[in-house]
Structures are given as C-alpha cells and as structure tokens.
PDB file of N, CA and C in Angstrom:
ATOM      1  N   MET A   1       0.821  -1.192   0.000  1.00  0.00           N
ATOM      2  CA  MET A   1       0.000   0.000   0.000  1.00  0.00           C
ATOM      3  C   MET A   1       0.860   1.249   0.000  1.00  0.00           C
ATOM      4  N   ILE A   2       1.887   1.268   0.789  1.00  0.00           N
ATOM      5  CA  ILE A   2       2.756   2.436   0.860  1.00  0.00           C
ATOM      6  C   ILE A   2       3.474   2.643  -0.466  1.00  0.00           C
ATOM      7  N   SER A   3       3.892   1.561  -1.075  1.00  0.00           N
ATOM      8  CA  SER A   3       4.566   1.703  -2.365  1.00  0.00           C
ATOM      9  C   SER A   3       3.605   2.261  -3.412  1.00  0.00           C
ATOM     10  N   TRP A   4       2.334   1.882  -3.339  1.00  0.00           N
ATOM     11  CA  TRP A   4       1.341   2.413  -4.274  1.00  0.00           C
ATOM     12  C   TRP A   4       1.204   3.924  -4.093  1.00  0.00           C
ATOM     13  N   ILE A   5       1.160   4.372  -2.844  1.00  0.00           N
ATOM     14  CA  ILE A   5       1.061   5.812  -2.554  1.00  0.00           C
ATOM     15  C   ILE A   5       2.326   6.527  -3.016  1.00  0.00           C
ATOM     16  N   LYS A   6       3.493   5.921  -2.788  1.00  0.00           N
ATOM     17  CA  LYS A   6       4.745   6.511  -3.253  1.00  0.00           C
ATOM     18  C   LYS A   6       4.728   6.658  -4.772  1.00  0.00           C
ATOM     19  N   ASN A   7       4.300   5.595  -5.447  1.00  0.00           N
ATOM     20  CA  ASN A   7       4.232   5.654  -6.907  1.00  0.00           C
ATOM     21  C   ASN A   7       3.256   6.719  -7.381  1.00  0.00           C
ATOM     22  N   LEU A   8       2.152   6.843  -6.686  1.00  0.00           N
ATOM     23  CA  LEU A   8       1.164   7.842  -7.046  1.00  0.00           C
ATOM     24  C   LEU A   8       1.754   9.245  -6.940  1.00  0.00           C
ATOM     25  N   PHE A   9       2.397   9.529  -5.819  1.00  0.00           N
ATOM     26  CA  PHE A   9       2.994  10.853  -5.640  1.00  0.00           C
ATOM     27  C   PHE A   9       4.195  11.053  -6.557  1.00  0.00           C
ATOM     28  N   HIS A  10       4.951   9.998  -6.748  1.00  0.00           N
ATOM     29  CA  HIS A  10       6.135  10.096  -7.605  1.00  0.00           C
ATOM     30  C   HIS A  10       5.735  10.406  -9.050  1.00  0.00           C
ATOM     31  N   SER A  11       4.740   9.659  -9.549  1.00  0.00           N
ATOM     32  CA  SER A  11       4.303   9.910 -10.928  1.00  0.00           C
ATOM     33  C   SER A  11       3.655  11.286 -11.049  1.00  0.00           C
ATOM     34  N   SER A  12       2.947  11.698  -9.999  1.00  0.00           N
ATOM     35  CA  SER A  12       2.335  13.016 -10.001  1.00  0.00           C
ATOM     36  C   SER A  12       3.407  14.098 -10.017  1.00  0.00           C
ATOM     37  N   CYS A  13       4.447  13.918  -9.237  1.00  0.00           N
ATOM     38  CA  CYS A  13       5.548  14.885  -9.209  1.00  0.00           C
ATOM     39  C   CYS A  13       6.267  14.924 -10.551  1.00  0.00           C
ATOM     40  N   GLU A  14       6.458  13.763 -11.142  1.00  0.00           N
ATOM     41  CA  GLU A  14       7.093  13.732 -12.466  1.00  0.00           C
ATOM     42  C   GLU A  14       6.240  14.476 -13.485  1.00  0.00           C
ATOM     43  N   TYR A  15       4.935  14.265 -13.422  1.00  0.00           N
ATOM     44  CA  TYR A  15       4.041  14.948 -14.357  1.00  0.00           C
ATOM     45  C   TYR A  15       4.160  16.458 -14.205  1.00  0.00           C
ATOM     46  N   TYR A  16       4.099  16.936 -12.970  1.00  0.00           N
ATOM     47  CA  TYR A  16       4.178  18.382 -12.753  1.00  0.00           C
ATOM     48  C   TYR A  16       5.556  18.923 -13.104  1.00  0.00           C
ATOM     49  N   GLN A  17       6.591  18.136 -12.843  1.00  0.00           N
ATOM     50  CA  GLN A  17       7.939  18.573 -13.208  1.00  0.00           C
ATOM     51  C   GLN A  17       8.064  18.666 -14.729  1.00  0.00           C
ATOM     52  N   ASP A  18       7.549  17.652 -15.430  1.00  0.00           N
ATOM     53  CA  ASP A  18       7.574  17.690 -16.891  1.00  0.00           C
ATOM     54  C   ASP A  18       6.764  18.873 -17.411  1.00  0.00           C
ATOM     55  N   TYR A  19       5.604  19.086 -16.818  1.00  0.00           N
ATOM     56  CA  TYR A  19       4.745  20.200 -17.220  1.00  0.00           C
ATOM     57  C   TYR A  19       5.470  21.526 -16.996  1.00  0.00           C
ATOM     58  N   TYR A  20       6.089  21.657 -15.830  1.00  0.00           N
ATOM     59  CA  TYR A  20       6.825  22.878 -15.505  1.00  0.00           C
ATOM     60  C   TYR A  20       8.005  23.066 -16.462  1.00  0.00           C
ATOM     61  N   ASP A  21       8.783  22.000 -16.684  1.00  0.00           N
ATOM     62  CA  ASP A  21       9.942  22.078 -17.568  1.00  0.00           C
ATOM     63  C   ASP A  21       9.522  22.486 -18.976  1.00  0.00           C
ATOM     64  N   GLU A  22       8.424  21.875 -19.452  1.00  0.00           N
ATOM     65  CA  GLU A  22       7.957  22.185 -20.801  1.00  0.00           C
ATOM     66  C   GLU A  22       7.545  23.648 -20.909  1.00  0.00           C
ATOM     67  N   HIS A  23       6.803  24.147 -19.938  1.00  0.00           N
ATOM     68  CA  HIS A  23       6.365  25.540 -19.982  1.00  0.00           C
ATOM     69  C   HIS A  23       7.517  26.502 -19.740  1.00  0.00           C
ATOM     70  N   TYR A  24       8.472  26.101 -18.922  1.00  0.00           N
ATOM     71  CA  TYR A  24       9.645  26.934 -18.704  1.00  0.00           C
ATOM     72  C   TYR A  24      10.432  27.052 -20.005  1.00  0.00           C
ATOM     73  N   CYS A  25      10.584  25.930 -20.700  1.00  0.00           N
ATOM     74  CA  CYS A  25      11.293  25.952 -21.980  1.00  0.00           C
ATOM     75  C   CYS A  25      10.549  26.811 -22.996  1.00  0.00           C
ATOM     76  N   LEU A  26       9.239  26.711 -23.030  1.00  0.00           N
ATOM     77  CA  LEU A  26       8.453  27.534 -23.948  1.00  0.00           C
ATOM     78  C   LEU A  26       8.591  29.014 -23.617  1.00  0.00           C
ATOM     79  N   ALA A  27       8.560  29.343 -22.340  1.00  0.00           N
ATOM     80  CA  ALA A  27       8.711  30.738 -21.927  1.00  0.00           C
ATOM     81  C   ALA A  27      10.088  31.254 -22.311  1.00  0.00           C
ATOM     82  N   ARG A  28      11.099  30.428 -22.138  1.00  0.00           N
ATOM     83  CA  ARG A  28      12.463  30.812 -22.524  1.00  0.00           C
ATOM     84  C   ARG A  28      12.555  30.996 -24.037  1.00  0.00           C
ATOM     85  N   ASP A  29      11.909  30.115 -24.784  1.00  0.00           N
ATOM     86  CA  ASP A  29      11.910  30.238 -26.242  1.00  0.00           C
ATOM     87  C   ASP A  29      11.208  31.516 -26.690  1.00  0.00           C
ATOM     88  N   VAL A  30      10.109  31.862 -26.032  1.00  0.00           N
ATOM     89  CA  VAL A  30       9.385  33.091 -26.360  1.00  0.00           C
ATOM     90  C   VAL A  30      10.268  34.302 -26.085  1.00  0.00           C
ATOM     91  N   GLU A  31      10.970  34.293 -24.974  1.00  0.00           N
ATOM     92  CA  GLU A  31      11.878  35.398 -24.656  1.00  0.00           C
ATOM     93  C   GLU A  31      12.994  35.500 -25.689  1.00  0.00           C
ATOM     94  N   ASP A  32      13.537  34.357 -26.108  1.00  0.00           N
ATOM     95  CA  ASP A  32      14.571  34.359 -27.150  1.00  0.00           C
ATOM     96  C   ASP A  32      14.032  34.937 -28.453  1.00  0.00           C
ATOM     97  N   LEU A  33      12.817  34.548 -28.807  1.00  0.00           N
ATOM     98  CA  LEU A  33      12.200  35.070 -30.032  1.00  0.00           C
ATOM     99  C   LEU A  33      11.965  36.571 -29.946  1.00  0.00           C
ATOM    100  N   LYS A  34      11.531  37.049 -28.780  1.00  0.00           N
ATOM    101  CA  LYS A  34      11.334  38.486 -28.599  1.00  0.00           C
ATOM    102  C   LYS A  34      12.649  39.233 -28.766  1.00  0.00           C
ATOM    103  N   GLU A  35      13.711  38.682 -28.203  1.00  0.00           N
ATOM    104  CA  GLU A  35      15.029  39.312 -28.315  1.00  0.00           C
ATOM    105  C   GLU A  35      15.494  39.348 -29.767  1.00  0.00           C
ATOM    106  N   LYS A  36      15.305  38.251 -30.481  1.00  0.00           N
ATOM    107  CA  LYS A  36      15.692  38.204 -31.896  1.00  0.00           C
ATOM    108  C   LYS A  36      14.852  39.173 -32.716  1.00  0.00           C
ATOM    109  N   TYR A  37      13.568  39.276 -32.395  1.00  0.00           N
ATOM    110  CA  TYR A  37      12.673  40.201 -33.092  1.00  0.00           C
ATOM    111  C   TYR A  37      13.150  41.642 -32.903  1.00  0.00           C
ATOM    112  N   ASP A  38      13.510  41.981 -31.678  1.00  0.00           N
ATOM    113  CA  ASP A  38      14.006  43.333 -31.408  1.00  0.00           C
ATOM    114  C   ASP A  38      15.301  43.604 -32.171  1.00  0.00           C
ATOM    115  N   CYS A  39      16.188  42.615 -32.236  1.00  0.00           N
ATOM    116  CA  CYS A  39      17.435  42.773 -32.990  1.00  0.00           C
ATOM    117  C   CYS A  39      17.157  42.959 -34.476  1.00  0.00           C
ATOM    118  N   ILE A  40      16.193  42.216 -34.996  1.00  0.00           N
ATOM    119  CA  ILE A  40      15.840  42.338 -36.404  1.00  0.00           C
ATOM    120  C   ILE A  40      15.273  43.726 -36.693  1.00  0.00           C
ATOM    121  N   LEU A  41      14.442  44.244 -35.797  1.00  0.00           N
ATOM    122  CA  LEU A  41      13.904  45.591 -35.984  1.00  0.00           C
ATOM    123  C   LEU A  41      15.020  46.627 -36.014  1.00  0.00           C
ATOM    124  N   LEU A  42      16.005  46.469 -35.149  1.00  0.00           N
ATOM    125  CA  LEU A  42      17.144  47.394 -35.146  1.00  0.00           C
ATOM    126  C   LEU A  42      17.935  47.281 -36.446  1.00  0.00           C
ATOM    127  N   ASP A  43      18.124  46.057 -36.940  1.00  0.00           N
ATOM    128  CA  ASP A  43      18.826  45.864 -38.207  1.00  0.00           C
ATOM    129  C   ASP A  43      18.071  46.511 -39.366  1.00  0.00           C
ATOM    130  N   ILE A  44      16.755  46.365 -39.372  1.00  0.00           N
ATOM    131  CA  ILE A  44      15.939  46.968 -40.426  1.00  0.00           C
ATOM    132  C   ILE A  44      16.061  48.484 -40.397  1.00  0.00           C
ATOM    133  N   LYS A  45      16.004  49.052 -39.221  1.00  0.00           N
ATOM    134  CA  LYS A  45      16.121  50.512 -39.091  1.00  0.00           C
ATOM    135  C   LYS A  45      17.485  50.984 -39.597  1.00  0.00           C
ATOM    136  N   ARG A  46      18.559  50.266 -39.222  1.00  0.00           N
ATOM    137  CA  ARG A  46      19.904  50.618 -39.658  1.00  0.00           C
ATOM    138  C   ARG A  46      20.021  50.518 -41.185  1.00  0.00           C
ATOM    139  N   LEU A  47      19.472  49.452 -41.749  1.00  0.00           N
ATOM    140  CA  LEU A  47      19.541  49.272 -43.201  1.00  0.00           C
ATOM    141  C   LEU A  47      18.754  50.344 -43.943  1.00  0.00           C
ATOM    142  N   GLU A  48      17.603  50.744 -43.401  1.00  0.00           N
ATOM    143  CA  GLU A  48      16.828  51.816 -44.025  1.00  0.00           C
ATOM    144  C   GLU A  48      17.606  53.126 -44.007  1.00  0.00           C
ATOM    145  N   GLU A  49      18.282  53.413 -42.892  1.00  0.00           N
ATOM    146  CA  GLU A  49      19.081  54.629 -42.810  1.00  0.00           C
ATOM    147  C   GLU A  49      20.243  54.588 -43.797  1.00  0.00           C
ATOM    148  N   GLU A  50      20.887  53.428 -43.913  1.00  0.00           N
ATOM    149  CA  GLU A  50      21.985  53.284 -44.869  1.00  0.00           C
ATOM    150  C   GLU A  50      21.478  53.450 -46.296  1.00  0.00           C
ATOM    151  N   SER A  51      20.297  52.927 -46.577  1.00  0.00           N
ATOM    152  CA  SER A  51      19.725  53.054 -47.912  1.00  0.00           C
ATOM    153  C   SER A  51      19.476  54.517 -48.259  1.00  0.00           C
ATOM    154  N   ILE A  52      18.959  55.279 -47.307  1.00  0.00           N
ATOM    155  CA  ILE A  52      18.712  56.707 -47.535  1.00  0.00           C
ATOM    156  C   ILE A  52      20.037  57.421 -47.779  1.00  0.00           C
ATOM    157  N   GLU A  53      21.054  57.095 -46.995  1.00  0.00           N
ATOM    158  CA  GLU A  53      22.365  57.724 -47.170  1.00  0.00           C
ATOM    159  C   GLU A  53      22.946  57.396 -48.548  1.00  0.00           C
ATOM    160  N   GLN A  54      22.814  56.151 -48.987  1.00  0.00           N
ATOM    161  CA  GLN A  54      23.328  55.764 -50.297  1.00  0.00           C
ATOM    162  C   GLN A  54      22.562  56.461 -51.416  1.00  0.00           C
ATOM    163  N   THR A  55      21.255  56.569 -51.270  1.00  0.00           N
ATOM    164  CA  THR A  55      20.455  57.259 -52.273  1.00  0.00           C
ATOM    165  C   THR A  55      20.872  58.722 -52.372  1.00  0.00           C
ATOM    166  N   ASN A  56      21.082  59.361 -51.247  1.00  0.00           N
ATOM    167  CA  ASN A  56      21.527  60.755 -51.254  1.00  0.00           C
ATOM    168  C   ASN A  56      22.896  60.891 -51.902  1.00  0.00           C
ATOM    169  N   ALA A  57      23.799  59.969 -51.621  1.00  0.00           N
ATOM    170  CA  ALA A  57      25.131  60.000 -52.227  1.00  0.00           C
ATOM    171  C   ALA A  57      25.038  59.819 -53.742  1.00  0.00           C
ATOM    172  N   LEU A  58      24.150  58.941 -54.195  1.00  0.00           N
ATOM    173  CA  LEU A  58      23.984  58.746 -55.642  1.00  0.00           C
ATOM    174  C   LEU A  58      23.441  59.998 -56.313  1.00  0.00           C
ATOM    175  N   TYR A  59      22.490  60.678 -55.671  1.00  0.00           N
ATOM    176  CA  TYR A  59      21.976  61.936 -56.225  1.00  0.00           C
ATOM    177  C   TYR A  59      23.075  62.980 -56.319  1.00  0.00           C
ATOM    178  N   GLU A  60      23.922  63.070 -55.298  1.00  0.00           N
ATOM    179  CA  GLU A  60      25.027  64.023 -55.323  1.00  0.00           C
ATOM    180  C   GLU A  60      25.991  63.714 -56.458  1.00  0.00           C
ATOM    181  N   MET A  61      26.311  62.427 -56.644  1.00  0.00           N
ATOM    182  CA  MET A  61      27.210  62.035 -57.731  1.00  0.00           C
ATOM    183  C   MET A  61      26.582  62.333 -59.085  1.00  0.00           C
ATOM    184  N   THR A  62      25.292  62.071 -59.232  1.00  0.00           N
ATOM    185  CA  THR A  62      24.602  62.342 -60.494  1.00  0.00           C
ATOM    186  C   THR A  62      24.626  63.833 -60.810  1.00  0.00           C
ATOM    187  N   ASN A  63      24.337  64.652 -59.804  1.00  0.00           N
ATOM    188  CA  ASN A  63      24.364  66.096 -60.012  1.00  0.00           C
ATOM    189  C   ASN A  63      25.760  66.582 -60.373  1.00  0.00           C
ATOM    190  N   SER A  64      26.770  66.020 -59.714  1.00  0.00           N
ATOM    191  CA  SER A  64      28.145  66.403 -60.010  1.00  0.00           C
ATOM    192  C   SER A  64      28.520  66.015 -61.442  1.00  0.00           C
ATOM    193  N   LEU A  65      28.139  64.826 -61.865  1.00  0.00           N
ATOM    194  CA  LEU A  65      28.435  64.395 -63.236  1.00  0.00           C
ATOM    195  C   LEU A  65      27.702  65.257 -64.263  1.00  0.00           C
ATOM    196  N   ASP A  66      26.434  65.577 -63.977  1.00  0.00           N
ATOM    197  CA  ASP A  66      25.685  66.454 -64.884  1.00  0.00           C
ATOM    198  C   ASP A  66      26.374  67.800 -65.020  1.00  0.00           C
ATOM    199  N   SER A  67      26.853  68.348 -63.917  1.00  0.00           N
ATOM    200  CA  SER A  67      27.538  69.644 -63.959  1.00  0.00           C
ATOM    201  C   SER A  67      28.821  69.549 -64.761  1.00  0.00           C
ATOM    202  N   ARG A  68      29.567  68.493 -64.588  1.00  0.00           N
ATOM    203  CA  ARG A  68      30.825  68.321 -65.329  1.00  0.00           C
ATOM    204  C   ARG A  68      30.560  68.136 -66.822  1.00  0.00           C
ATOM    205  N   ILE A  69      29.517  67.389 -67.147  1.00  0.00           N
ATOM    206  CA  ILE A  69      29.157  67.201 -68.559  1.00  0.00           C
ATOM    207  C   ILE A  69      28.783  68.550 -69.178  1.00  0.00           C
ATOM    208  N   ASP A  70      28.019  69.349 -68.451  1.00  0.00           N
ATOM    209  CA  ASP A  70      27.638  70.672 -68.952  1.00  0.00           C
ATOM    210  C   ASP A  70      28.871  71.542 -69.172  1.00  0.00           C
ATOM    211  N   ILE A  71      29.818  71.495 -68.241  1.00  0.00           N
ATOM    212  CA  ILE A  71      31.046  72.293 -68.380  1.00  0.00           C
ATOM    213  C   ILE A  71      31.828  71.848 -69.601  1.00  0.00           C
ATOM    214  N   ILE A  72      32.001  70.544 -69.764  1.00  0.00           N
ATOM    215  CA  ILE A  72      32.752  70.022 -70.923  1.00  0.00           C
ATOM    216  C   ILE A  72      32.033  70.380 -72.218  1.00  0.00           C
ATOM    217  N   TYR A  73      30.716  70.255 -72.231  1.00  0.00           N
ATOM    218  CA  TYR A  73      29.935  70.586 -73.420  1.00  0.00           C
ATOM    219  C   TYR A  73      30.126  72.053 -73.794  1.00  0.00           C
ATOM    220  N   ASN A  74      30.045  72.939 -72.811  1.00  0.00           N
ATOM    221  CA  ASN A  74      30.207  74.371 -73.081  1.00  0.00           C
ATOM    222  C   ASN A  74      31.610  74.690 -73.558  1.00  0.00           C
ATOM    223  N   GLU A  75      32.631  74.006 -73.011  1.00  0.00           N
ATOM    224  CA  GLU A  75      34.001  74.223 -73.473  1.00  0.00           C
ATOM    225  C   GLU A  75      34.165  73.770 -74.918  1.00  0.00           C
ATOM    226  N   LEU A  76      33.624  72.606 -75.231  1.00  0.00           N
ATOM    227  CA  LEU A  76      33.717  72.107 -76.610  1.00  0.00           C
ATOM    228  C   LEU A  76      32.927  72.984 -77.568  1.00  0.00           C
ATOM    229  N   LYS A  77      31.801  73.482 -77.123  1.00  0.00           N
ATOM    230  CA  LYS A  77      30.968  74.380 -77.944  1.00  0.00           C
ATOM    231  C   LYS A  77      31.739  75.658 -78.237  1.00  0.00           C
ATOM    232  N   GLY A  78      32.448  76.163 -77.225  1.00  0.00           N
ATOM    233  CA  GLY A  78      33.226  77.381 -77.413  1.00  0.00           C
ATOM    234  C   GLY A  78      34.410  77.152 -78.339  1.00  0.00           C
ATOM    235  N   MET A  79      34.993  75.962 -78.335  1.00  0.00           N
ATOM    236  CA  MET A  79      36.148  75.666 -79.202  1.00  0.00           C
ATOM    237  C   MET A  79      35.705  75.541 -80.652  1.00  0.00           C
ATOM    238  N   ASN A  80      34.551  74.966 -80.907  1.00  0.00           N
ATOM    239  CA  ASN A  80      34.066  74.785 -82.270  1.00  0.00           C
ATOM    240  C   ASN A  80      33.341  76.019 -82.781  1.00  0.00           C
ATOM    241  N   GLY A  81      32.867  76.798 -81.901  1.00  0.00           N
ATOM    242  CA  GLY A  81      32.158  78.007 -82.300  1.00  0.00           C
ATOM    243  C   GLY A  81      30.708  77.764 -82.599  1.00  0.00           C
ATOM    244  N   ASP A  82      30.326  76.597 -82.985  1.00  0.00           N
ATOM    245  CA  ASP A  82      28.920  76.345 -83.325  1.00  0.00           C
ATOM    246  C   ASP A  82      28.323  75.171 -82.557  1.00  0.00           C
ATOM    247  N   GLY A  83      29.061  74.626 -81.663  1.00  0.00           N
ATOM    248  CA  GLY A  83      28.558  73.481 -80.896  1.00  0.00           C
ATOM    249  C   GLY A  83      29.139  72.184 -81.409  1.00  0.00           C
ATOM    250  N   ILE A  84      28.732  71.145 -80.835  1.00  0.00           N
ATOM    251  CA  ILE A  84      29.308  69.835 -81.178  1.00  0.00           C
ATOM    252  C   ILE A  84      28.631  69.233 -82.370  1.00  0.00           C
TER     253      ILE A  84
END
C-alpha cells in the first residue's frame, strides 16, 4: 500500500515537473524570439538609414556628373564656335 502511494505521488511529481519544464522551456523560447525580433527591428532601421544615405550619395554624384558634362559641353561648344 505504501509503495502504491509513493508511486502515485512520484508519478504526479514527475508529471508536474515535466509540465513545468515544458512551460519553462516555452517561456524561454518566447523570450529568445522576442530578443531576436528586437534585434531584427534594429537591423531593419539601420539598413533603411543606410539606404537613404546611399540614395543621397547617388543623387550628389549624379548632379556632379551632370555639372561636369555641362562644363565640358560648353568648353567644346566654345572651341568649335557652333557646338558639337
């Protein structure tokens, strides 16, 4: 009889321990996912800022090239007298 009661409590304790372990692991996994999500959001924000900076740099380069082309065109036009 005592062994039956021991087994009853032992199996009950194992069940609750397994239940606790499983939920603890799930809670830990959720926390890990939240942390990764926050890191991904920071990466996205950084990449968006870099994209804006690169776009601005490309516009500056385009404007600079357009200005240089205009200068060269005007110099060549002046050398020929009537344009290219």
